[in-house]
Amino acid sequence: PERLAAFAAGSVMLFRPGMMQELEEAQCLEGAQLIYSMWTGY
């Protein structure tokens, strides 16, 4: 987690909703974008 901020600008990260709080705590979400790639009904 402590390295996520340094990697953020050059990375694509597979995401789960259970990761929301820890990513926020890692302060790696400045300028972040989310791509949703499943059935939109969910």
PDB file of all heavy atoms in Angstrom:
ATOM      1  N   PRO A   1       0.799  -1.233   0.000  1.00  0.00           N
ATOM      2  CA  PRO A   1       0.000   0.000   0.000  1.00  0.00           C
ATOM      3  C   PRO A   1       0.826   1.275   0.000  1.00  0.00           C
ATOM      4  O   PRO A   1       0.477   2.247  -0.681  1.00  0.00           O
ATOM      5  CB  PRO A   1      -0.841  -0.119   1.272  1.00  0.00           C
ATOM      6  CG  PRO A   1      -0.964  -1.594   1.507  1.00  0.00           C
ATOM      7  CD  PRO A   1       0.329  -2.184   1.039  1.00  0.00           C
ATOM      8  N   GLU A   2       1.915   1.282   0.748  1.00  0.00           N
ATOM      9  CA  GLU A   2       2.722   2.495   0.849  1.00  0.00           C
ATOM     10  C   GLU A   2       3.434   2.850  -0.457  1.00  0.00           C
ATOM     11  O   GLU A   2       3.936   3.965  -0.613  1.00  0.00           O
ATOM     12  CB  GLU A   2       3.742   2.371   1.977  1.00  0.00           C
ATOM     13  CG  GLU A   2       4.685   1.173   1.860  1.00  0.00           C
ATOM     14  CD  GLU A   2       4.168  -0.065   2.567  1.00  0.00           C
ATOM     15  OE1 GLU A   2       2.933  -0.165   2.787  1.00  0.00           O
ATOM     16  OE2 GLU A   2       4.997  -0.940   2.892  1.00  0.00           O
ATOM     17  N   ARG A   3       3.460   1.937  -1.424  1.00  0.00           N
ATOM     18  CA  ARG A   3       4.100   2.196  -2.697  1.00  0.00           C
ATOM     19  C   ARG A   3       3.101   2.520  -3.816  1.00  0.00           C
ATOM     20  O   ARG A   3       3.494   2.881  -4.916  1.00  0.00           O
ATOM     21  CB  ARG A   3       4.946   0.978  -3.113  1.00  0.00           C
ATOM     22  CG  ARG A   3       6.142   0.708  -2.209  1.00  0.00           C
ATOM     23  CD  ARG A   3       7.232   1.741  -2.453  1.00  0.00           C
ATOM     24  NE  ARG A   3       7.779   1.628  -3.796  1.00  0.00           N
ATOM     25  CZ  ARG A   3       8.432   2.594  -4.434  1.00  0.00           C
ATOM     26  NH1 ARG A   3       8.569   3.764  -3.845  1.00  0.00           N
ATOM     27  NH2 ARG A   3       8.906   2.429  -5.660  1.00  0.00           N
ATOM     28  N   LEU A   4       1.811   2.388  -3.529  1.00  0.00           N
ATOM     29  CA  LEU A   4       0.804   2.590  -4.567  1.00  0.00           C
ATOM     30  C   LEU A   4       0.820   4.009  -5.116  1.00  0.00           C
ATOM     31  O   LEU A   4       0.678   4.223  -6.323  1.00  0.00           O
ATOM     32  CB  LEU A   4      -0.591   2.253  -4.030  1.00  0.00           C
ATOM     33  CG  LEU A   4      -0.911   0.763  -3.857  1.00  0.00           C
ATOM     34  CD1 LEU A   4      -2.308   0.595  -3.263  1.00  0.00           C
ATOM     35  CD2 LEU A   4      -0.830   0.030  -5.189  1.00  0.00           C
ATOM     36  N   ALA A   5       0.981   5.005  -4.269  1.00  0.00           N
ATOM     37  CA  ALA A   5       0.976   6.394  -4.730  1.00  0.00           C
ATOM     38  C   ALA A   5       2.094   6.648  -5.731  1.00  0.00           C
ATOM     39  O   ALA A   5       1.903   7.352  -6.727  1.00  0.00           O
ATOM     40  CB  ALA A   5       1.086   7.345  -3.536  1.00  0.00           C
ATOM     41  N   ALA A   6       3.267   6.069  -5.489  1.00  0.00           N
ATOM     42  CA  ALA A   6       4.405   6.261  -6.393  1.00  0.00           C
ATOM     43  C   ALA A   6       4.180   5.575  -7.740  1.00  0.00           C
ATOM     44  O   ALA A   6       4.671   6.040  -8.771  1.00  0.00           O
ATOM     45  CB  ALA A   6       5.681   5.733  -5.736  1.00  0.00           C
ATOM     46  N   PHE A   7       3.415   4.472  -7.750  1.00  0.00           N
ATOM     47  CA  PHE A   7       3.172   3.723  -8.978  1.00  0.00           C
ATOM     48  C   PHE A   7       1.933   4.199  -9.728  1.00  0.00           C
ATOM     49  O   PHE A   7       1.731   3.850 -10.885  1.00  0.00           O
ATOM     50  CB  PHE A   7       2.995   2.230  -8.651  1.00  0.00           C
ATOM     51  CG  PHE A   7       4.273   1.454  -8.623  1.00  0.00           C
ATOM     52  CD1 PHE A   7       5.100   1.507  -7.528  1.00  0.00           C
ATOM     53  CD2 PHE A   7       4.646   0.657  -9.691  1.00  0.00           C
ATOM     54  CE1 PHE A   7       6.280   0.782  -7.487  1.00  0.00           C
ATOM     55  CE2 PHE A   7       5.826  -0.065  -9.676  1.00  0.00           C
ATOM     56  CZ  PHE A   7       6.655   0.003  -8.569  1.00  0.00           C
ATOM     57  N   ALA A   8       1.088   4.995  -9.082  1.00  0.00           N
ATOM     58  CA  ALA A   8      -0.257   5.274  -9.594  1.00  0.00           C
ATOM     59  C   ALA A   8      -0.263   5.792 -11.022  1.00  0.00           C
ATOM     60  O   ALA A   8      -1.000   5.291 -11.889  1.00  0.00           O
ATOM     61  CB  ALA A   8      -0.973   6.249  -8.662  1.00  0.00           C
ATOM     62  N   ALA A   9       0.517   6.809 -11.310  1.00  0.00           N
ATOM     63  CA  ALA A   9       0.444   7.467 -12.613  1.00  0.00           C
ATOM     64  C   ALA A   9       0.820   6.545 -13.768  1.00  0.00           C
ATOM     65  O   ALA A   9       0.394   6.779 -14.900  1.00  0.00           O
ATOM     66  CB  ALA A   9       1.324   8.713 -12.622  1.00  0.00           C
ATOM     67  N   GLY A  10       1.567   5.514 -13.490  1.00  0.00           N
ATOM     68  CA  GLY A  10       2.014   4.617 -14.556  1.00  0.00           C
ATOM     69  C   GLY A  10       1.401   3.238 -14.497  1.00  0.00           C
ATOM     70  O   GLY A  10       1.949   2.302 -15.092  1.00  0.00           O
ATOM     71  N   SER A  11       0.258   3.114 -13.828  1.00  0.00           N
ATOM     72  CA  SER A  11      -0.285   1.771 -13.596  1.00  0.00           C
ATOM     73  C   SER A  11      -1.761   1.663 -13.956  1.00  0.00           C
ATOM     74  O   SER A  11      -2.510   2.643 -13.951  1.00  0.00           O
ATOM     75  CB  SER A  11      -0.091   1.356 -12.131  1.00  0.00           C
ATOM     76  OG  SER A  11       1.270   1.265 -11.795  1.00  0.00           O
ATOM     77  N   VAL A  12      -2.147   0.446 -14.250  1.00  0.00           N
ATOM     78  CA  VAL A  12      -3.549   0.015 -14.343  1.00  0.00           C
ATOM     79  C   VAL A  12      -3.737  -1.029 -13.259  1.00  0.00           C
ATOM     80  O   VAL A  12      -2.954  -1.964 -13.148  1.00  0.00           O
ATOM     81  CB  VAL A  12      -3.867  -0.574 -15.726  1.00  0.00           C
ATOM     82  CG1 VAL A  12      -5.285  -1.156 -15.751  1.00  0.00           C
ATOM     83  CG2 VAL A  12      -3.692   0.463 -16.822  1.00  0.00           C
ATOM     84  N   MET A  13      -4.787  -0.881 -12.456  1.00  0.00           N
ATOM     85  CA  MET A  13      -4.965  -1.754 -11.302  1.00  0.00           C
ATOM     86  C   MET A  13      -6.311  -2.466 -11.361  1.00  0.00           C
ATOM     87  O   MET A  13      -7.344  -1.824 -11.520  1.00  0.00           O
ATOM     88  CB  MET A  13      -4.879  -0.937 -10.008  1.00  0.00           C
ATOM     89  CG  MET A  13      -4.912  -1.758  -8.743  1.00  0.00           C
ATOM     90  SD  MET A  13      -4.681  -0.692  -7.285  1.00  0.00           S
ATOM     91  CE  MET A  13      -4.294  -1.930  -6.039  1.00  0.00           C
ATOM     92  N   LEU A  14      -6.291  -3.773 -11.253  1.00  0.00           N
ATOM     93  CA  LEU A  14      -7.535  -4.523 -11.158  1.00  0.00           C
ATOM     94  C   LEU A  14      -8.209  -4.191  -9.835  1.00  0.00           C
ATOM     95  O   LEU A  14      -7.582  -4.247  -8.776  1.00  0.00           O
ATOM     96  CB  LEU A  14      -7.253  -6.021 -11.277  1.00  0.00           C
ATOM     97  CG  LEU A  14      -8.380  -6.875 -11.866  1.00  0.00           C
ATOM     98  CD1 LEU A  14      -8.692  -6.458 -13.294  1.00  0.00           C
ATOM     99  CD2 LEU A  14      -7.997  -8.355 -11.834  1.00  0.00           C
ATOM    100  N   PHE A  15      -9.501  -3.858  -9.902  1.00  0.00           N
ATOM    101  CA  PHE A  15     -10.200  -3.267  -8.769  1.00  0.00           C
ATOM    102  C   PHE A  15     -11.345  -4.143  -8.280  1.00  0.00           C
ATOM    103  O   PHE A  15     -12.018  -4.809  -9.078  1.00  0.00           O
ATOM    104  CB  PHE A  15     -10.740  -1.889  -9.194  1.00  0.00           C
ATOM    105  CG  PHE A  15     -11.678  -1.244  -8.217  1.00  0.00           C
ATOM    106  CD1 PHE A  15     -11.183  -0.544  -7.122  1.00  0.00           C
ATOM    107  CD2 PHE A  15     -13.054  -1.322  -8.389  1.00  0.00           C
ATOM    108  CE1 PHE A  15     -12.037   0.057  -6.212  1.00  0.00           C
ATOM    109  CE2 PHE A  15     -13.916  -0.730  -7.494  1.00  0.00           C
ATOM    110  CZ  PHE A  15     -13.406  -0.029  -6.398  1.00  0.00           C
ATOM    111  N   ARG A  16     -11.557  -4.163  -6.960  1.00  0.00           N
ATOM    112  CA  ARG A  16     -12.734  -4.733  -6.321  1.00  0.00           C
ATOM    113  C   ARG A  16     -13.315  -3.681  -5.372  1.00  0.00           C
ATOM    114  O   ARG A  16     -12.554  -2.936  -4.726  1.00  0.00           O
ATOM    115  CB  ARG A  16     -12.397  -5.982  -5.487  1.00  0.00           C
ATOM    116  CG  ARG A  16     -11.428  -6.953  -6.159  1.00  0.00           C
ATOM    117  CD  ARG A  16     -12.098  -7.874  -7.092  1.00  0.00           C
ATOM    118  NE  ARG A  16     -11.104  -8.603  -7.876  1.00  0.00           N
ATOM    119  CZ  ARG A  16     -11.177  -8.833  -9.158  1.00  0.00           C
ATOM    120  NH1 ARG A  16     -12.206  -8.402  -9.832  1.00  0.00           N
ATOM    121  NH2 ARG A  16     -10.232  -9.484  -9.809  1.00  0.00           N
ATOM    122  N   PRO A  17     -14.644  -3.606  -5.237  1.00  0.00           N
ATOM    123  CA  PRO A  17     -15.219  -2.620  -4.320  1.00  0.00           C
ATOM    124  C   PRO A  17     -14.706  -2.725  -2.893  1.00  0.00           C
ATOM    125  O   PRO A  17     -14.651  -1.720  -2.178  1.00  0.00           O
ATOM    126  CB  PRO A  17     -16.722  -2.907  -4.396  1.00  0.00           C
ATOM    127  CG  PRO A  17     -16.920  -3.452  -5.768  1.00  0.00           C
ATOM    128  CD  PRO A  17     -15.688  -4.278  -6.025  1.00  0.00           C
ATOM    129  N   GLY A  18     -14.307  -3.928  -2.473  1.00  0.00           N
ATOM    130  CA  GLY A  18     -13.760  -4.079  -1.135  1.00  0.00           C
ATOM    131  C   GLY A  18     -12.452  -3.355  -0.922  1.00  0.00           C
ATOM    132  O   GLY A  18     -11.974  -3.245   0.220  1.00  0.00           O
ATOM    133  N   MET A  19     -11.855  -2.828  -1.973  1.00  0.00           N
ATOM    134  CA  MET A  19     -10.588  -2.122  -1.886  1.00  0.00           C
ATOM    135  C   MET A  19     -10.755  -0.617  -1.712  1.00  0.00           C
ATOM    136  O   MET A  19      -9.765   0.108  -1.594  1.00  0.00           O
ATOM    137  CB  MET A  19      -9.757  -2.403  -3.145  1.00  0.00           C
ATOM    138  CG  MET A  19      -9.396  -3.864  -3.344  1.00  0.00           C
ATOM    139  SD  MET A  19      -8.883  -4.282  -5.037  1.00  0.00           S
ATOM    140  CE  MET A  19      -7.515  -3.148  -5.325  1.00  0.00           C
ATOM    141  N   MET A  20     -11.982  -0.128  -1.706  1.00  0.00           N
ATOM    142  CA  MET A  20     -12.202   1.320  -1.729  1.00  0.00           C
ATOM    143  C   MET A  20     -11.494   2.038  -0.593  1.00  0.00           C
ATOM    144  O   MET A  20     -10.754   3.017  -0.814  1.00  0.00           O
ATOM    145  CB  MET A  20     -13.712   1.623  -1.698  1.00  0.00           C
ATOM    146  CG  MET A  20     -14.460   1.216  -2.941  1.00  0.00           C
ATOM    147  SD  MET A  20     -16.214   1.706  -2.966  1.00  0.00           S
ATOM    148  CE  MET A  20     -16.883   0.791  -1.568  1.00  0.00           C
ATOM    149  N   GLN A  21     -11.694   1.601   0.632  1.00  0.00           N
ATOM    150  CA  GLN A  21     -11.141   2.313   1.778  1.00  0.00           C
ATOM    151  C   GLN A  21      -9.626   2.294   1.773  1.00  0.00           C
ATOM    152  O   GLN A  21      -8.979   3.327   2.003  1.00  0.00           O
ATOM    153  CB  GLN A  21     -11.661   1.706   3.086  1.00  0.00           C
ATOM    154  CG  GLN A  21     -11.163   2.435   4.335  1.00  0.00           C
ATOM    155  CD  GLN A  21     -11.723   1.858   5.622  1.00  0.00           C
ATOM    156  OE1 GLN A  21     -12.704   1.103   5.607  1.00  0.00           O
ATOM    157  NE2 GLN A  21     -11.121   2.200   6.753  1.00  0.00           N
ATOM    158  N   GLU A  22      -9.033   1.130   1.487  1.00  0.00           N
ATOM    159  CA  GLU A  22      -7.577   1.056   1.568  1.00  0.00           C
ATOM    160  C   GLU A  22      -6.895   1.849   0.454  1.00  0.00           C
ATOM    161  O   GLU A  22      -5.814   2.393   0.654  1.00  0.00           O
ATOM    162  CB  GLU A  22      -7.102  -0.401   1.576  1.00  0.00           C
ATOM    163  CG  GLU A  22      -7.491  -1.225   0.356  1.00  0.00           C
ATOM    164  CD  GLU A  22      -7.347  -2.713   0.623  1.00  0.00           C
ATOM    165  OE1 GLU A  22      -6.218  -3.205   0.526  1.00  0.00           O
ATOM    166  OE2 GLU A  22      -8.361  -3.389   0.882  1.00  0.00           O
ATOM    167  N   LEU A  23      -7.531   1.930  -0.727  1.00  0.00           N
ATOM    168  CA  LEU A  23      -6.960   2.756  -1.783  1.00  0.00           C
ATOM    169  C   LEU A  23      -7.037   4.228  -1.418  1.00  0.00           C
ATOM    170  O   LEU A  23      -6.107   5.001  -1.696  1.00  0.00           O
ATOM    171  CB  LEU A  23      -7.679   2.495  -3.104  1.00  0.00           C
ATOM    172  CG  LEU A  23      -7.488   1.112  -3.733  1.00  0.00           C
ATOM    173  CD1 LEU A  23      -8.244   1.020  -5.055  1.00  0.00           C
ATOM    174  CD2 LEU A  23      -6.012   0.793  -3.936  1.00  0.00           C
ATOM    175  N   GLU A  24      -8.117   4.622  -0.801  1.00  0.00           N
ATOM    176  CA  GLU A  24      -8.238   6.001  -0.344  1.00  0.00           C
ATOM    177  C   GLU A  24      -7.172   6.302   0.703  1.00  0.00           C
ATOM    178  O   GLU A  24      -6.535   7.362   0.665  1.00  0.00           O
ATOM    179  CB  GLU A  24      -9.636   6.237   0.215  1.00  0.00           C
ATOM    180  CG  GLU A  24      -9.987   7.691   0.431  1.00  0.00           C
ATOM    181  CD  GLU A  24     -11.444   7.910   0.779  1.00  0.00           C
ATOM    182  OE1 GLU A  24     -12.262   6.970   0.671  1.00  0.00           O
ATOM    183  OE2 GLU A  24     -11.774   9.048   1.188  1.00  0.00           O
ATOM    184  N   GLU A  25      -6.970   5.379   1.622  1.00  0.00           N
ATOM    185  CA  GLU A  25      -5.947   5.563   2.652  1.00  0.00           C
ATOM    186  C   GLU A  25      -4.546   5.631   2.056  1.00  0.00           C
ATOM    187  O   GLU A  25      -3.663   6.313   2.582  1.00  0.00           O
ATOM    188  CB  GLU A  25      -6.021   4.437   3.669  1.00  0.00           C
ATOM    189  CG  GLU A  25      -7.283   4.449   4.522  1.00  0.00           C
ATOM    190  CD  GLU A  25      -7.421   3.210   5.385  1.00  0.00           C
ATOM    191  OE1 GLU A  25      -6.575   2.288   5.224  1.00  0.00           O
ATOM    192  OE2 GLU A  25      -8.363   3.133   6.198  1.00  0.00           O
ATOM    193  N   ALA A  26      -4.333   4.925   0.943  1.00  0.00           N
ATOM    194  CA  ALA A  26      -3.020   4.908   0.297  1.00  0.00           C
ATOM    195  C   ALA A  26      -2.724   6.186  -0.467  1.00  0.00           C
ATOM    196  O   ALA A  26      -1.603   6.369  -0.964  1.00  0.00           O
ATOM    197  CB  ALA A  26      -2.913   3.715  -0.642  1.00  0.00           C
ATOM    198  N   GLN A  27      -3.719   7.072  -0.575  1.00  0.00           N
ATOM    199  CA  GLN A  27      -3.568   8.368  -1.233  1.00  0.00           C
ATOM    200  C   GLN A  27      -3.017   8.222  -2.662  1.00  0.00           C
ATOM    201  O   GLN A  27      -2.117   8.952  -3.078  1.00  0.00           O
ATOM    202  CB  GLN A  27      -2.678   9.282  -0.397  1.00  0.00           C
ATOM    203  CG  GLN A  27      -3.246   9.572   0.990  1.00  0.00           C
ATOM    204  CD  GLN A  27      -2.387  10.518   1.791  1.00  0.00           C
ATOM    205  OE1 GLN A  27      -1.229  10.775   1.484  1.00  0.00           O
ATOM    206  NE2 GLN A  27      -2.942  11.099   2.838  1.00  0.00           N
ATOM    207  N   CYS A  28      -3.609   7.264  -3.392  1.00  0.00           N
ATOM    208  CA  CYS A  28      -3.148   6.992  -4.744  1.00  0.00           C
ATOM    209  C   CYS A  28      -4.207   7.311  -5.799  1.00  0.00           C
ATOM    210  O   CYS A  28      -4.078   6.908  -6.959  1.00  0.00           O
ATOM    211  CB  CYS A  28      -2.739   5.517  -4.879  1.00  0.00           C
ATOM    212  SG  CYS A  28      -4.071   4.329  -4.558  1.00  0.00           S
ATOM    213  N   LEU A  29      -5.249   8.053  -5.407  1.00  0.00           N
ATOM    214  CA  LEU A  29      -6.394   8.235  -6.282  1.00  0.00           C
ATOM    215  C   LEU A  29      -6.485   9.627  -6.899  1.00  0.00           C
ATOM    216  O   LEU A  29      -7.486   9.950  -7.546  1.00  0.00           O
ATOM    217  CB  LEU A  29      -7.688   7.918  -5.521  1.00  0.00           C
ATOM    218  CG  LEU A  29      -7.804   6.467  -5.017  1.00  0.00           C
ATOM    219  CD1 LEU A  29      -9.060   6.298  -4.165  1.00  0.00           C
ATOM    220  CD2 LEU A  29      -7.812   5.490  -6.180  1.00  0.00           C
ATOM    221  N   GLU A  30      -5.465  10.450  -6.767  1.00  0.00           N
ATOM    222  CA  GLU A  30      -5.458  11.763  -7.402  1.00  0.00           C
ATOM    223  C   GLU A  30      -5.474  11.583  -8.922  1.00  0.00           C
ATOM    224  O   GLU A  30      -4.585  10.975  -9.509  1.00  0.00           O
ATOM    225  CB  GLU A  30      -4.222  12.558  -6.981  1.00  0.00           C
ATOM    226  CG  GLU A  30      -4.139  13.970  -7.555  1.00  0.00           C
ATOM    227  CD  GLU A  30      -5.166  14.891  -6.962  1.00  0.00           C
ATOM    228  OE1 GLU A  30      -5.555  14.682  -5.794  1.00  0.00           O
ATOM    229  OE2 GLU A  30      -5.606  15.827  -7.683  1.00  0.00           O
ATOM    230  N   GLY A  31      -6.514  12.104  -9.571  1.00  0.00           N
ATOM    231  CA  GLY A  31      -6.624  11.979 -11.023  1.00  0.00           C
ATOM    232  C   GLY A  31      -7.001  10.590 -11.509  1.00  0.00           C
ATOM    233  O   GLY A  31      -6.845  10.278 -12.696  1.00  0.00           O
ATOM    234  N   ALA A  32      -7.530   9.764 -10.619  1.00  0.00           N
ATOM    235  CA  ALA A  32      -7.856   8.381 -10.986  1.00  0.00           C
ATOM    236  C   ALA A  32      -9.059   8.308 -11.920  1.00  0.00           C
ATOM    237  O   ALA A  32      -9.917   9.206 -11.954  1.00  0.00           O
ATOM    238  CB  ALA A  32      -8.118   7.546  -9.732  1.00  0.00           C
ATOM    239  N   GLN A  33      -9.116   7.246 -12.681  1.00  0.00           N
ATOM    240  CA  GLN A  33     -10.207   6.931 -13.594  1.00  0.00           C
ATOM    241  C   GLN A  33     -10.600   5.471 -13.369  1.00  0.00           C
ATOM    242  O   GLN A  33      -9.737   4.614 -13.171  1.00  0.00           O
ATOM    243  CB  GLN A  33      -9.749   7.121 -15.048  1.00  0.00           C
ATOM    244  CG  GLN A  33     -10.648   6.511 -16.105  1.00  0.00           C
ATOM    245  CD  GLN A  33     -11.719   7.430 -16.587  1.00  0.00           C
ATOM    246  OE1 GLN A  33     -11.525   8.635 -16.679  1.00  0.00           O
ATOM    247  NE2 GLN A  33     -12.871   6.908 -16.955  1.00  0.00           N
ATOM    248  N   LEU A  34     -11.917   5.174 -13.413  1.00  0.00           N
ATOM    249  CA  LEU A  34     -12.357   3.783 -13.283  1.00  0.00           C
ATOM    250  C   LEU A  34     -12.981   3.302 -14.583  1.00  0.00           C
ATOM    251  O   LEU A  34     -13.823   3.975 -15.170  1.00  0.00           O
ATOM    252  CB  LEU A  34     -13.354   3.606 -12.131  1.00  0.00           C
ATOM    253  CG  LEU A  34     -13.718   2.147 -11.849  1.00  0.00           C
ATOM    254  CD1 LEU A  34     -13.654   1.837 -10.363  1.00  0.00           C
ATOM    255  CD2 LEU A  34     -15.095   1.770 -12.389  1.00  0.00           C
ATOM    256  N   ILE A  35     -12.568   2.127 -15.026  1.00  0.00           N
ATOM    257  CA  ILE A  35     -13.162   1.439 -16.158  1.00  0.00           C
ATOM    258  C   ILE A  35     -13.993   0.275 -15.618  1.00  0.00           C
ATOM    259  O   ILE A  35     -13.461  -0.599 -14.935  1.00  0.00           O
ATOM    260  CB  ILE A  35     -12.090   0.909 -17.131  1.00  0.00           C
ATOM    261  CG1 ILE A  35     -11.291   2.069 -17.739  1.00  0.00           C
ATOM    262  CG2 ILE A  35     -12.731   0.085 -18.240  1.00  0.00           C
ATOM    263  CD1 ILE A  35     -10.126   1.610 -18.603  1.00  0.00           C
ATOM    264  N   TYR A  36     -15.271   0.293 -15.924  1.00  0.00           N
ATOM    265  CA  TYR A  36     -16.150  -0.799 -15.516  1.00  0.00           C
ATOM    266  C   TYR A  36     -16.261  -1.769 -16.678  1.00  0.00           C
ATOM    267  O   TYR A  36     -16.674  -1.385 -17.787  1.00  0.00           O
ATOM    268  CB  TYR A  36     -17.522  -0.262 -15.114  1.00  0.00           C
ATOM    269  CG  TYR A  36     -18.457  -1.340 -14.609  1.00  0.00           C
ATOM    270  CD1 TYR A  36     -18.395  -1.773 -13.294  1.00  0.00           C
ATOM    271  CD2 TYR A  36     -19.398  -1.924 -15.450  1.00  0.00           C
ATOM    272  CE1 TYR A  36     -19.243  -2.765 -12.830  1.00  0.00           C
ATOM    273  CE2 TYR A  36     -20.247  -2.911 -14.987  1.00  0.00           C
ATOM    274  CZ  TYR A  36     -20.157  -3.336 -13.678  1.00  0.00           C
ATOM    275  OH  TYR A  36     -20.999  -4.327 -13.222  1.00  0.00           O
ATOM    276  N   SER A  37     -15.939  -3.064 -16.437  1.00  0.00           N
ATOM    277  CA  SER A  37     -15.849  -4.021 -17.527  1.00  0.00           C
ATOM    278  C   SER A  37     -16.600  -5.310 -17.204  1.00  0.00           C
ATOM    279  O   SER A  37     -16.066  -6.414 -17.310  1.00  0.00           O
ATOM    280  CB  SER A  37     -14.371  -4.318 -17.836  1.00  0.00           C
ATOM    281  OG  SER A  37     -14.220  -4.951 -19.078  1.00  0.00           O
ATOM    282  N   MET A  38     -17.864  -5.156 -16.808  1.00  0.00           N
ATOM    283  CA  MET A  38     -18.775  -6.267 -16.568  1.00  0.00           C
ATOM    284  C   MET A  38     -20.179  -5.839 -16.989  1.00  0.00           C
ATOM    285  O   MET A  38     -20.389  -4.718 -17.445  1.00  0.00           O
ATOM    286  CB  MET A  38     -18.751  -6.685 -15.090  1.00  0.00           C
ATOM    287  CG  MET A  38     -17.420  -7.237 -14.613  1.00  0.00           C
ATOM    288  SD  MET A  38     -17.500  -8.031 -12.992  1.00  0.00           S
ATOM    289  CE  MET A  38     -17.973  -6.656 -11.963  1.00  0.00           C
ATOM    290  N   TRP A  39     -21.131  -6.739 -16.828  1.00  0.00           N
ATOM    291  CA  TRP A  39     -22.520  -6.422 -17.133  1.00  0.00           C
ATOM    292  C   TRP A  39     -22.982  -5.227 -16.304  1.00  0.00           C
ATOM    293  O   TRP A  39     -22.844  -5.205 -15.086  1.00  0.00           O
ATOM    294  CB  TRP A  39     -23.396  -7.632 -16.848  1.00  0.00           C
ATOM    295  CG  TRP A  39     -24.859  -7.428 -17.113  1.00  0.00           C
ATOM    296  CD1 TRP A  39     -25.414  -7.004 -18.290  1.00  0.00           C
ATOM    297  CD2 TRP A  39     -25.937  -7.624 -16.206  1.00  0.00           C
ATOM    298  NE1 TRP A  39     -26.778  -6.924 -18.166  1.00  0.00           N
ATOM    299  CE2 TRP A  39     -27.132  -7.309 -16.895  1.00  0.00           C
ATOM    300  CE3 TRP A  39     -26.027  -8.063 -14.889  1.00  0.00           C
ATOM    301  CZ2 TRP A  39     -28.389  -7.393 -16.302  1.00  0.00           C
ATOM    302  CZ3 TRP A  39     -27.269  -8.153 -14.289  1.00  0.00           C
ATOM    303  CH2 TRP A  39     -28.428  -7.819 -15.002  1.00  0.00           C
ATOM    304  N   THR A  40     -23.536  -4.235 -16.966  1.00  0.00           N
ATOM    305  CA  THR A  40     -23.888  -2.994 -16.281  1.00  0.00           C
ATOM    306  C   THR A  40     -25.067  -3.160 -15.319  1.00  0.00           C
ATOM    307  O   THR A  40     -25.257  -2.327 -14.437  1.00  0.00           O
ATOM    308  CB  THR A  40     -24.214  -1.880 -17.294  1.00  0.00           C
ATOM    309  OG1 THR A  40     -25.236  -2.333 -18.188  1.00  0.00           O
ATOM    310  CG2 THR A  40     -22.962  -1.502 -18.084  1.00  0.00           C
ATOM    311  N   GLY A  41     -25.840  -4.221 -15.468  1.00  0.00           N
ATOM    312  CA  GLY A  41     -26.954  -4.450 -14.553  1.00  0.00           C
ATOM    313  C   GLY A  41     -26.533  -4.573 -13.106  1.00  0.00           C
ATOM    314  O   GLY A  41     -27.305  -4.221 -12.197  1.00  0.00           O
ATOM    315  N   TYR A  42     -25.303  -5.044 -12.870  1.00  0.00           N
ATOM    316  CA  TYR A  42     -24.822  -5.160 -11.495  1.00  0.00           C
ATOM    317  C   TYR A  42     -24.748  -3.799 -10.801  1.00  0.00           C
ATOM    318  O   TYR A  42     -24.930  -3.706  -9.585  1.00  0.00           O
ATOM    319  CB  TYR A  42     -23.434  -5.808 -11.461  1.00  0.00           C
ATOM    320  CG  TYR A  42     -23.376  -7.235 -11.943  1.00  0.00           C
ATOM    321  CD1 TYR A  42     -22.362  -7.651 -12.807  1.00  0.00           C
ATOM    322  CD2 TYR A  42     -24.303  -8.169 -11.535  1.00  0.00           C
ATOM    323  CE1 TYR A  42     -22.287  -8.963 -13.246  1.00  0.00           C
ATOM    324  CE2 TYR A  42     -24.246  -9.493 -11.982  1.00  0.00           C
ATOM    325  CZ  TYR A  42     -23.226  -9.874 -12.840  1.00  0.00           C
ATOM    326  OH  TYR A  42     -23.151 -11.166 -13.284  1.00  0.00           O
TER     327      TYR A  42
END
